């Protein structure tokens, strides 16, 4: 028994924790949970616990349904919203086949497999997400327009506002679970919030994002408000993104940093960005996986609609933040397309795979876009070689279907299920008669 496992078992006893929740996600990124008694945990560490994989979206067909959830002791944390005695803890799980081999349907394994490829090349992949979401007065009923908790704007300090209290309480919870927060503030939309997590390795970040969403929902319940990560809940207000800063390290050295180079960006960093750009359209169905995601990407509000990069250019898909002379180790790139509602395991796996492809094949980075890309005409963008991202989920699906990178990174099982599910979502959406159509056409046709 390793030291981490011993620590978990000892903590359960010392803190009188009576319930342990084992967490994992389905292919679409929805959190799943099963509670076990502490007495069963030692066996779960050794063998995993069995469950019916056919009941989980994208995991298994009925005739191959038996699967195992094996807790990762390194992810052990006490749940602060279950602080009353007896307490409850949680751990993330790896999903296994009954013979103990990793399940190809497990999104966490998809990311771990891609991180292993980076490690074989000598790289460690670090990520820093800026997570946006909306707070509403209540959970809106079907067909009801959501009502934001305030009418604040970007960086507004709302005195004794519900959002201010919400962020303070939520950050306290996150910190108590070992999830470090760097910044928090009111975002551009009414009731919209942003909380930025500190840099961590990509697997820890993905686990933290799943925990983050749960914490926001729990704090909302406590405070009588509703937290939503829907990409674009309002036509007239900005959508919710998860701009993510990425970097590769070789040991303690930032592989993206080169003193004296343009923007202090190394050849590795430039090739990584080139990979992100070249493969961005074909992985958009994963980084922006919902029908509603494309209302955000093409609805204004600083969302990146076009495939380009720039230095400190917030209209670009990939941004190289301003260089700080005393902080060469902080050289990084920011990807601005990702939704805060994506499956972070799959999204980060594909971003890493795209960047590594650029490094492996020596992609050349095209010239950066320093203009406001949104203000350019279509002909100007064509002249500059700036292509659009997919304009809807159907376009994104069609591009992903032809993507060797996505198929290889996700694996056949996840790739096929994800596409089947997204095609079904698009078909259901396409058949809907919307309020827009009723309002515009019913009175006059």
Protein backbone atom coordinates (compact mmCIF):
# COMPACT_ATOMS: atom_id res chain seq x y z
CA UNK A 1 0.00 0.00 0.00
CA UNK A 2 1.50 3.37 -1.03
CA UNK A 3 1.70 6.42 1.23
CA UNK A 4 -1.16 8.27 -0.50
CA UNK A 5 -3.51 5.32 -0.03
CA UNK A 6 -2.46 5.03 3.63
CA UNK A 7 -3.13 8.75 4.09
CA UNK A 8 -6.64 8.42 2.66
CA UNK A 9 -7.56 5.48 4.88
CA UNK A 10 -6.10 7.17 7.96
CA UNK A 11 -7.91 10.44 7.25
CA UNK A 12 -11.25 8.68 6.86
CA UNK A 13 -10.86 7.23 10.33
CA UNK A 14 -9.45 10.34 12.03
CA UNK A 15 -12.10 12.71 10.62
CA UNK A 16 -15.04 10.34 10.98
CA UNK A 17 -15.84 10.40 7.27
CA UNK A 18 -18.68 7.92 6.68
CA UNK A 19 -19.22 8.37 2.95
CA UNK A 20 -16.79 8.36 0.04
CA UNK A 21 -18.03 9.53 -3.35
CA UNK A 22 -16.27 8.13 -6.37
CA UNK A 23 -16.45 10.52 -9.33
CA UNK A 24 -15.90 10.05 -13.05
CA UNK A 25 -17.31 11.60 -16.23
CA UNK A 26 -19.12 10.17 -19.20
CA UNK A 27 -17.95 10.91 -22.74
CA UNK A 28 -19.98 14.14 -22.87
CA UNK A 29 -18.37 15.44 -19.67
CA UNK A 30 -21.27 14.94 -17.24
CA UNK A 31 -20.14 14.04 -13.73
CA UNK A 32 -21.12 10.62 -12.39
CA UNK A 33 -20.91 9.56 -8.76
CA UNK A 34 -21.29 6.47 -6.60
CA UNK A 35 -21.00 6.51 -2.80
CA UNK A 36 -19.30 3.70 -0.89
CA UNK A 37 -18.68 3.05 2.79
CA UNK A 38 -15.11 3.56 4.08
CA UNK A 39 -14.91 -0.16 4.89
CA UNK A 40 -15.12 -0.91 1.16
CA UNK A 41 -12.43 1.52 0.12
CA UNK A 42 -9.37 -0.67 0.59
CA UNK A 43 -10.86 -3.25 -1.77
CA UNK A 44 -11.82 -0.46 -4.22
CA UNK A 45 -8.19 0.73 -4.26
CA UNK A 46 -7.00 -2.80 -4.98
CA UNK A 47 -9.59 -3.98 -7.49
CA UNK A 48 -12.07 -1.18 -8.27
CA UNK A 49 -15.82 -1.43 -7.83
CA UNK A 50 -18.09 -2.88 -10.48
CA UNK A 51 -20.88 -0.97 -12.26
CA UNK A 52 -23.05 -1.26 -15.36
CA UNK A 53 -21.19 0.60 -18.08
CA UNK A 54 -24.10 0.30 -20.53
CA UNK A 55 -26.08 2.75 -18.37
CA UNK A 56 -23.43 5.50 -18.83
CA UNK A 57 -23.43 7.65 -21.99
CA UNK A 58 -20.78 6.32 -24.37
CA UNK A 59 -19.24 3.71 -22.09
CA UNK A 60 -20.33 0.26 -23.27
CA UNK A 61 -22.95 -1.72 -25.13
CA UNK A 62 -25.25 -4.01 -23.15
CA UNK A 63 -23.35 -7.18 -23.99
CA UNK A 64 -20.07 -5.69 -22.67
CA UNK A 65 -21.49 -3.73 -19.77
CA UNK A 66 -19.42 -4.80 -16.74
CA UNK A 67 -16.79 -2.18 -15.86
CA UNK A 68 -14.72 -1.12 -12.86
CA UNK A 69 -14.23 2.30 -11.24
CA UNK A 70 -10.86 2.46 -9.47
CA UNK A 71 -10.33 5.51 -7.22
CA UNK A 72 -7.20 7.64 -7.61
CA UNK A 73 -5.99 8.35 -4.04
CA UNK A 74 -4.08 11.45 -5.22
CA UNK A 75 -7.46 13.16 -5.85
CA UNK A 76 -8.84 12.64 -2.32
CA UNK A 77 -10.58 15.69 -0.83
CA UNK A 78 -13.20 16.26 1.85
CA UNK A 79 -16.33 17.92 0.42
CA UNK A 80 -16.77 21.25 2.24
CA UNK A 81 -20.52 21.44 1.54
CA UNK A 82 -20.87 18.16 3.39
CA UNK A 83 -19.02 19.47 6.42
CA UNK A 84 -21.61 18.41 8.96
CA UNK A 85 -20.77 15.16 10.81
CA UNK A 86 -20.50 12.53 9.56
CA UNK A 87 -18.52 14.01 6.67
CA UNK A 88 -18.15 13.03 3.03
CA UNK A 89 -15.05 12.85 0.82
CA UNK A 90 -14.56 12.37 -2.91
CA UNK A 91 -12.01 10.87 -5.29
CA UNK A 92 -11.84 10.74 -9.06
CA UNK A 93 -11.72 7.30 -10.64
CA UNK A 94 -10.06 5.64 -13.56
CA UNK A 95 -12.43 3.36 -15.47
CA UNK A 96 -11.17 -0.16 -16.16
CA UNK A 97 -12.28 -3.25 -18.02
CA UNK A 98 -12.97 -6.31 -15.90
CA UNK A 99 -9.48 -7.62 -16.72
CA UNK A 100 -7.95 -4.48 -15.14
CA UNK A 101 -6.93 -2.77 -18.38
CA UNK A 102 -7.93 0.87 -18.96
CA UNK A 103 -11.27 1.47 -20.62
CA UNK A 104 -10.97 3.26 -23.97
CA UNK A 105 -14.31 4.94 -23.15
CA UNK A 106 -12.88 6.82 -20.14
CA UNK A 107 -12.26 10.52 -20.97
CA UNK A 108 -9.70 10.70 -18.16
CA UNK A 109 -7.74 7.91 -19.82
CA UNK A 110 -7.90 9.73 -23.17
CA UNK A 111 -6.10 12.68 -21.56
CA UNK A 112 -3.66 10.47 -19.63
CA UNK A 113 -2.75 8.65 -22.85
CA UNK A 114 -2.03 11.94 -24.64
CA UNK A 115 -0.03 13.26 -21.68
CA UNK A 116 2.04 10.06 -21.81
CA UNK A 117 2.88 10.81 -25.46
CA UNK A 118 4.03 14.29 -24.45
CA UNK A 119 6.07 12.79 -21.62
CA UNK A 120 7.80 10.42 -24.06
CA UNK A 121 8.93 13.55 -25.92
CA UNK A 122 10.20 15.07 -22.66
CA UNK A 123 7.29 17.50 -22.14
CA UNK A 124 4.96 18.23 -19.24
CA UNK A 125 1.74 20.01 -20.23
CA UNK A 126 0.46 22.81 -17.98
CA UNK A 127 -2.88 24.62 -18.21
CA UNK A 128 -4.50 27.64 -16.59
CA UNK A 129 -8.25 28.10 -17.24
CA UNK A 130 -10.29 31.29 -16.90
CA UNK A 131 -13.79 29.95 -16.25
CA UNK A 132 -16.85 32.09 -16.99
CA UNK A 133 -20.44 31.37 -15.99
CA UNK A 134 -23.73 33.13 -15.25
CA UNK A 135 -25.65 33.44 -12.00
CA UNK A 136 -29.45 33.62 -12.22
CA UNK A 137 -32.03 34.44 -9.57
CA UNK A 138 -33.46 30.95 -9.89
CA UNK A 139 -33.50 27.89 -12.11
CA UNK A 140 -35.61 29.12 -15.05
CA UNK A 141 -38.66 27.08 -15.94
CA UNK A 142 -39.01 25.65 -19.45
CA UNK A 143 -39.52 28.52 -21.90
CA UNK A 144 -38.82 31.16 -19.24
CA UNK A 145 -36.16 33.79 -19.92
CA UNK A 146 -33.39 33.53 -17.28
CA UNK A 147 -33.11 36.45 -14.88
CA UNK A 148 -29.50 37.46 -13.94
CA UNK A 149 -28.73 38.26 -10.31
CA UNK A 150 -27.39 41.75 -11.16
CA UNK A 151 -26.86 44.23 -13.99
CA UNK A 152 -23.14 44.69 -13.47
CA UNK A 153 -20.49 44.79 -16.19
CA UNK A 154 -16.81 43.94 -16.62
CA UNK A 155 -14.83 44.34 -13.37
CA UNK A 156 -17.77 46.10 -11.70
CA UNK A 157 -17.59 46.10 -7.92
CA UNK A 158 -21.16 45.50 -6.83
CA UNK A 159 -21.30 46.55 -3.19
CA UNK A 160 -22.78 43.73 -1.10
CA UNK A 161 -23.94 42.20 -4.37
CA UNK A 162 -24.99 38.59 -4.56
CA UNK A 163 -22.21 37.82 -7.05
CA UNK A 164 -19.53 39.26 -4.75
CA UNK A 165 -20.72 37.12 -1.84
CA UNK A 166 -21.08 34.11 -4.13
CA UNK A 167 -17.50 34.37 -5.41
CA UNK A 168 -16.08 34.80 -1.91
CA UNK A 169 -17.92 31.74 -0.60
CA UNK A 170 -17.14 29.66 -3.71
CA UNK A 171 -13.42 30.50 -3.61
CA UNK A 172 -13.27 29.59 0.08
CA UNK A 173 -14.72 26.19 -0.79
CA UNK A 174 -12.32 25.67 -3.69
CA UNK A 175 -9.30 26.61 -1.59
CA UNK A 176 -10.41 24.23 1.18
CA UNK A 177 -10.27 21.44 -1.41
CA UNK A 178 -6.75 22.33 -2.50
CA UNK A 179 -7.87 24.10 -5.69
CA UNK A 180 -5.94 27.37 -5.88
CA UNK A 181 -7.65 30.43 -7.33
CA UNK A 182 -5.69 33.23 -8.98
CA UNK A 183 -8.32 35.87 -9.83
CA UNK A 184 -12.06 36.44 -9.64
CA UNK A 185 -14.24 39.26 -10.91
CA UNK A 186 -17.53 40.21 -12.49
CA UNK A 187 -17.53 39.56 -16.23
CA UNK A 188 -19.10 41.56 -19.06
CA UNK A 189 -22.65 40.19 -18.95
CA UNK A 190 -25.27 40.88 -16.25
CA UNK A 191 -24.79 38.27 -13.53
CA UNK A 192 -21.73 36.86 -15.34
CA UNK A 193 -18.74 35.80 -13.23
CA UNK A 194 -15.16 34.72 -13.91
CA UNK A 195 -12.93 32.70 -11.61
CA UNK A 196 -9.41 31.79 -12.80
CA UNK A 197 -7.65 28.69 -11.47
CA UNK A 198 -3.89 28.63 -10.97
CA UNK A 199 -1.56 26.79 -13.34
CA UNK A 200 -1.42 23.03 -12.86
CA UNK A 201 -0.66 19.95 -14.90
CA UNK A 202 -3.47 19.27 -17.37
CA UNK A 203 -4.89 16.19 -15.62
CA UNK A 204 -5.16 18.03 -12.30
CA UNK A 205 -6.72 21.00 -14.10
CA UNK A 206 -9.36 18.82 -15.76
CA UNK A 207 -10.21 17.21 -12.41
CA UNK A 208 -10.34 20.69 -10.86
CA UNK A 209 -12.70 21.98 -13.56
CA UNK A 210 -15.15 19.15 -12.90
CA UNK A 211 -14.94 19.92 -9.17
CA UNK A 212 -15.29 23.65 -9.89
CA UNK A 213 -18.58 23.16 -11.72
CA UNK A 214 -19.96 21.09 -8.85
CA UNK A 215 -18.85 23.67 -6.27
CA UNK A 216 -20.52 26.50 -8.22
CA UNK A 217 -23.78 24.52 -8.37
CA UNK A 218 -23.61 23.68 -4.65
CA UNK A 219 -22.89 27.27 -3.58
CA UNK A 220 -25.74 28.40 -5.81
CA UNK A 221 -28.12 26.01 -4.01
CA UNK A 222 -26.93 27.29 -0.64
CA UNK A 223 -27.44 30.93 -1.65
CA UNK A 224 -30.70 30.48 -3.52
CA UNK A 225 -29.28 31.27 -6.98
CA UNK A 226 -28.60 29.15 -10.05
CA UNK A 227 -25.16 28.83 -11.67
CA UNK A 228 -25.08 27.94 -15.37
CA UNK A 229 -22.21 27.14 -17.73
CA UNK A 230 -24.42 27.34 -20.83
CA UNK A 231 -22.21 28.90 -23.54
CA UNK A 232 -24.68 31.61 -24.66
CA UNK A 233 -27.79 32.10 -22.50
CA UNK A 234 -28.54 35.63 -23.84
CA UNK A 235 -28.67 36.88 -27.41
CA UNK A 236 -27.53 40.39 -26.47
CA UNK A 237 -24.85 39.58 -23.86
CA UNK A 238 -21.46 37.81 -24.04
CA UNK A 239 -21.22 34.05 -23.86
CA UNK A 240 -19.25 32.07 -21.28
CA UNK A 241 -15.80 30.90 -22.33
CA UNK A 242 -12.97 29.03 -20.70
CA UNK A 243 -9.93 30.80 -22.15
CA UNK A 244 -7.04 28.49 -21.31
CA UNK A 245 -3.33 29.32 -21.10
CA UNK A 246 -1.09 26.46 -22.24
CA UNK A 247 2.62 25.77 -21.86
CA UNK A 248 5.06 22.90 -22.22
CA UNK A 249 7.93 22.36 -19.82
CA UNK A 250 11.05 20.25 -20.23
CA UNK A 251 11.89 19.56 -16.62
CA UNK A 252 12.06 22.99 -14.99
CA UNK A 253 12.56 24.83 -18.29
CA UNK A 254 9.71 26.45 -20.21
CA UNK A 255 9.94 24.98 -23.71
CA UNK A 256 8.03 27.97 -25.16
CA UNK A 257 10.63 30.53 -23.97
CA UNK A 258 13.62 31.71 -25.97
CA UNK A 259 15.43 34.86 -24.92
CA UNK A 260 15.79 37.34 -27.76
CA UNK A 261 13.29 35.65 -30.06
CA UNK A 262 10.22 37.53 -31.30
CA UNK A 263 7.81 37.74 -28.35
CA UNK A 264 10.44 35.55 -26.55
CA UNK A 265 8.66 32.62 -28.24
CA UNK A 266 10.81 29.58 -29.05
CA UNK A 267 10.70 27.45 -32.19
CA UNK A 268 8.84 24.80 -30.16
CA UNK A 269 6.28 27.38 -29.07
CA UNK A 270 5.76 28.63 -32.61
CA UNK A 271 5.31 25.10 -33.97
CA UNK A 272 2.86 24.33 -31.14
CA UNK A 273 0.73 27.37 -32.07
CA UNK A 274 0.90 26.35 -35.74
CA UNK A 275 -0.46 22.94 -34.76
CA UNK A 276 -3.29 24.53 -32.79
CA UNK A 277 -4.24 26.67 -35.80
CA UNK A 278 -3.98 23.94 -38.43
CA UNK A 279 -6.18 21.51 -36.48
CA UNK A 280 -8.48 23.95 -34.68
CA UNK A 281 -11.48 23.59 -37.01
CA UNK A 282 -11.50 19.78 -36.89
CA UNK A 283 -11.46 19.67 -33.05
CA UNK A 284 -14.03 22.43 -32.54
CA UNK A 285 -16.83 19.86 -32.15
CA UNK A 286 -15.10 18.89 -28.87
CA UNK A 287 -13.90 22.27 -27.58
CA UNK A 288 -17.35 23.68 -28.44
CA UNK A 289 -19.55 20.63 -28.25
CA UNK A 290 -23.09 22.00 -27.94
CA UNK A 291 -25.52 23.47 -30.47
CA UNK A 292 -25.56 26.59 -28.32
CA UNK A 293 -21.74 26.87 -28.45
CA UNK A 294 -21.89 28.35 -31.95
CA UNK A 295 -24.21 31.15 -30.80
CA UNK A 296 -21.28 32.17 -28.59
CA UNK A 297 -18.58 31.76 -31.25
CA UNK A 298 -20.55 33.74 -33.84
CA UNK A 299 -22.50 36.04 -31.53
CA UNK A 300 -19.87 38.71 -30.86
CA UNK A 301 -18.76 39.55 -27.34
CA UNK A 302 -15.04 38.92 -28.04
CA UNK A 303 -15.53 35.27 -29.00
CA UNK A 304 -12.97 34.12 -31.60
CA UNK A 305 -14.68 33.28 -34.89
CA UNK A 306 -11.60 33.08 -37.12
CA UNK A 307 -8.47 30.94 -37.18
CA UNK A 308 -5.48 33.18 -36.52
CA UNK A 309 -3.02 34.10 -33.82
CA UNK A 310 -1.72 37.39 -32.52
CA UNK A 311 0.41 39.00 -29.87
CA UNK A 312 -1.90 40.34 -27.18
CA UNK A 313 -4.74 40.35 -29.75
CA UNK A 314 -8.01 39.38 -28.07
CA UNK A 315 -9.83 38.95 -31.38
CA UNK A 316 -7.49 36.07 -32.33
CA UNK A 317 -8.19 32.40 -31.71
CA UNK A 318 -4.73 31.95 -30.17
CA UNK A 319 -3.14 34.82 -28.28
CA UNK A 320 0.45 35.21 -27.10
CA UNK A 321 0.11 37.27 -23.90
CA UNK A 322 2.38 40.24 -23.26
CA UNK A 323 5.91 39.19 -22.32
CA UNK A 324 7.22 40.21 -18.89
CA UNK A 325 11.02 40.66 -18.97
CA UNK A 326 11.56 39.14 -15.52
CA UNK A 327 9.24 36.19 -16.09
CA UNK A 328 10.56 34.14 -19.00
CA UNK A 329 9.22 30.99 -17.39
CA UNK A 330 5.68 32.34 -17.78
CA UNK A 331 5.80 32.38 -21.61
CA UNK A 332 2.58 30.74 -22.76
CA UNK A 333 -0.19 30.76 -25.34
CA UNK A 334 -3.88 31.35 -24.73
CA UNK A 335 -6.60 29.47 -26.62
CA UNK A 336 -9.80 31.55 -26.59
CA UNK A 337 -12.34 29.33 -28.30
CA UNK A 338 -13.07 26.78 -25.56
CA UNK A 339 -16.43 26.75 -23.80
CA UNK A 340 -16.65 26.41 -20.03
CA UNK A 341 -19.21 23.63 -20.69
CA UNK A 342 -16.89 21.32 -22.65
CA UNK A 343 -15.51 17.98 -21.50
CA UNK A 344 -12.12 19.24 -20.24
CA UNK A 345 -10.40 15.83 -20.50
CA UNK A 346 -11.18 15.49 -24.20
CA UNK A 347 -10.66 19.18 -25.01
CA UNK A 348 -7.21 19.34 -23.39
CA UNK A 349 -6.20 16.02 -24.96
CA UNK A 350 -6.99 17.37 -28.44
CA UNK A 351 -5.33 20.75 -27.88
CA UNK A 352 -2.18 19.00 -26.69
CA UNK A 353 -2.27 16.53 -29.58
CA UNK A 354 -2.66 19.37 -32.11
CA UNK A 355 0.27 21.28 -30.62
CA UNK A 356 2.48 18.19 -30.48
CA UNK A 357 1.63 17.44 -34.12
CA UNK A 358 2.88 20.89 -35.03
CA UNK A 359 6.14 20.27 -33.16
CA UNK A 360 6.61 16.75 -34.54
CA UNK A 361 6.03 17.75 -38.16
CA UNK A 362 7.69 21.16 -37.93
CA UNK A 363 4.67 23.27 -38.91
CA UNK A 364 5.52 26.81 -39.94
CA UNK A 365 3.67 29.51 -38.05
CA UNK A 366 1.89 31.96 -40.41
CA UNK A 367 2.18 35.71 -39.80
CA UNK A 368 0.28 36.97 -36.76
CA UNK A 369 -2.87 39.06 -37.02
CA UNK A 370 -2.45 42.36 -35.23
CA UNK A 371 -5.66 43.93 -36.60
CA UNK A 372 -9.07 43.51 -35.05
CA UNK A 373 -10.08 40.42 -37.03
CA UNK A 374 -13.81 41.06 -36.50
CA UNK A 375 -13.59 44.44 -38.21
CA UNK A 376 -11.96 43.07 -41.40
CA UNK A 377 -14.08 42.35 -44.46
CA UNK A 378 -14.46 38.81 -45.75
CA UNK A 379 -12.19 39.60 -48.71
CA UNK A 380 -9.54 41.09 -46.40
CA UNK A 381 -9.59 37.96 -44.24
CA UNK A 382 -9.29 35.76 -47.34
CA UNK A 383 -6.33 37.81 -48.55
CA UNK A 384 -4.65 37.27 -45.19
CA UNK A 385 -5.38 33.53 -45.27
CA UNK A 386 -7.65 33.71 -42.22
CA UNK A 387 -10.29 30.98 -42.36
CA UNK A 388 -13.43 30.83 -40.20
CA UNK A 389 -14.15 28.33 -37.46
CA UNK A 390 -17.20 26.10 -38.07
CA UNK A 391 -20.36 28.20 -37.96
CA UNK A 392 -22.58 25.53 -36.41
CA UNK A 393 -22.41 22.08 -34.89
CA UNK A 394 -23.18 20.37 -38.22
CA UNK A 395 -20.11 21.97 -39.85
CA UNK A 396 -17.97 21.04 -36.85
CA UNK A 397 -19.16 17.42 -36.98
CA UNK A 398 -18.39 17.15 -40.69
CA UNK A 399 -14.83 18.41 -40.12
CA UNK A 400 -14.26 16.14 -37.12
CA UNK A 401 -15.48 13.09 -39.06
CA UNK A 402 -12.54 13.54 -41.46
CA UNK A 403 -9.96 14.25 -38.75
CA UNK A 404 -7.21 11.68 -38.34
CA UNK A 405 -5.90 13.64 -35.35
CA UNK A 406 -9.25 13.49 -33.51
CA UNK A 407 -9.75 9.81 -34.29
CA UNK A 408 -6.26 8.87 -33.14
CA UNK A 409 -6.34 11.01 -29.99
CA UNK A 410 -9.82 10.10 -28.79
CA UNK A 411 -9.63 6.44 -29.80
CA UNK A 412 -12.19 4.64 -31.94
CA UNK A 413 -14.76 4.14 -29.16
CA UNK A 414 -14.94 7.75 -27.91
CA UNK A 415 -14.61 9.17 -31.45
CA UNK A 416 -17.53 7.12 -32.79
CA UNK A 417 -19.83 7.64 -29.83
CA UNK A 418 -19.15 11.37 -29.62
CA UNK A 419 -19.97 11.88 -33.29
CA UNK A 420 -23.14 9.76 -33.08
CA UNK A 421 -24.35 11.75 -30.08
CA UNK A 422 -23.58 15.12 -31.70
CA UNK A 423 -25.33 14.16 -34.94
CA UNK A 424 -28.41 13.26 -32.91
CA UNK A 425 -28.25 16.58 -31.03
CA UNK A 426 -28.05 18.49 -34.33
CA UNK A 427 -31.00 16.58 -35.82
CA UNK A 428 -33.14 17.29 -32.77
CA UNK A 429 -32.19 20.98 -32.86
CA UNK A 430 -32.81 21.30 -36.59
CA UNK A 431 -36.42 20.13 -36.21
CA UNK A 432 -37.28 22.72 -33.54
CA UNK A 433 -39.57 25.65 -34.34
CA UNK A 434 -37.96 28.51 -32.44
CA UNK A 435 -39.44 31.64 -30.82
CA UNK A 436 -37.57 33.65 -33.47
CA UNK A 437 -39.54 31.94 -36.25
CA UNK A 438 -42.86 32.29 -34.45
CA UNK A 439 -42.28 35.96 -33.67
CA UNK A 440 -41.12 36.85 -37.18
CA UNK A 441 -43.25 34.69 -39.46
CA UNK A 442 -46.48 33.77 -37.69
CA UNK A 443 -47.94 37.32 -37.73
CA UNK A 444 -47.18 37.95 -41.41
CA UNK A 445 -47.32 34.63 -43.25
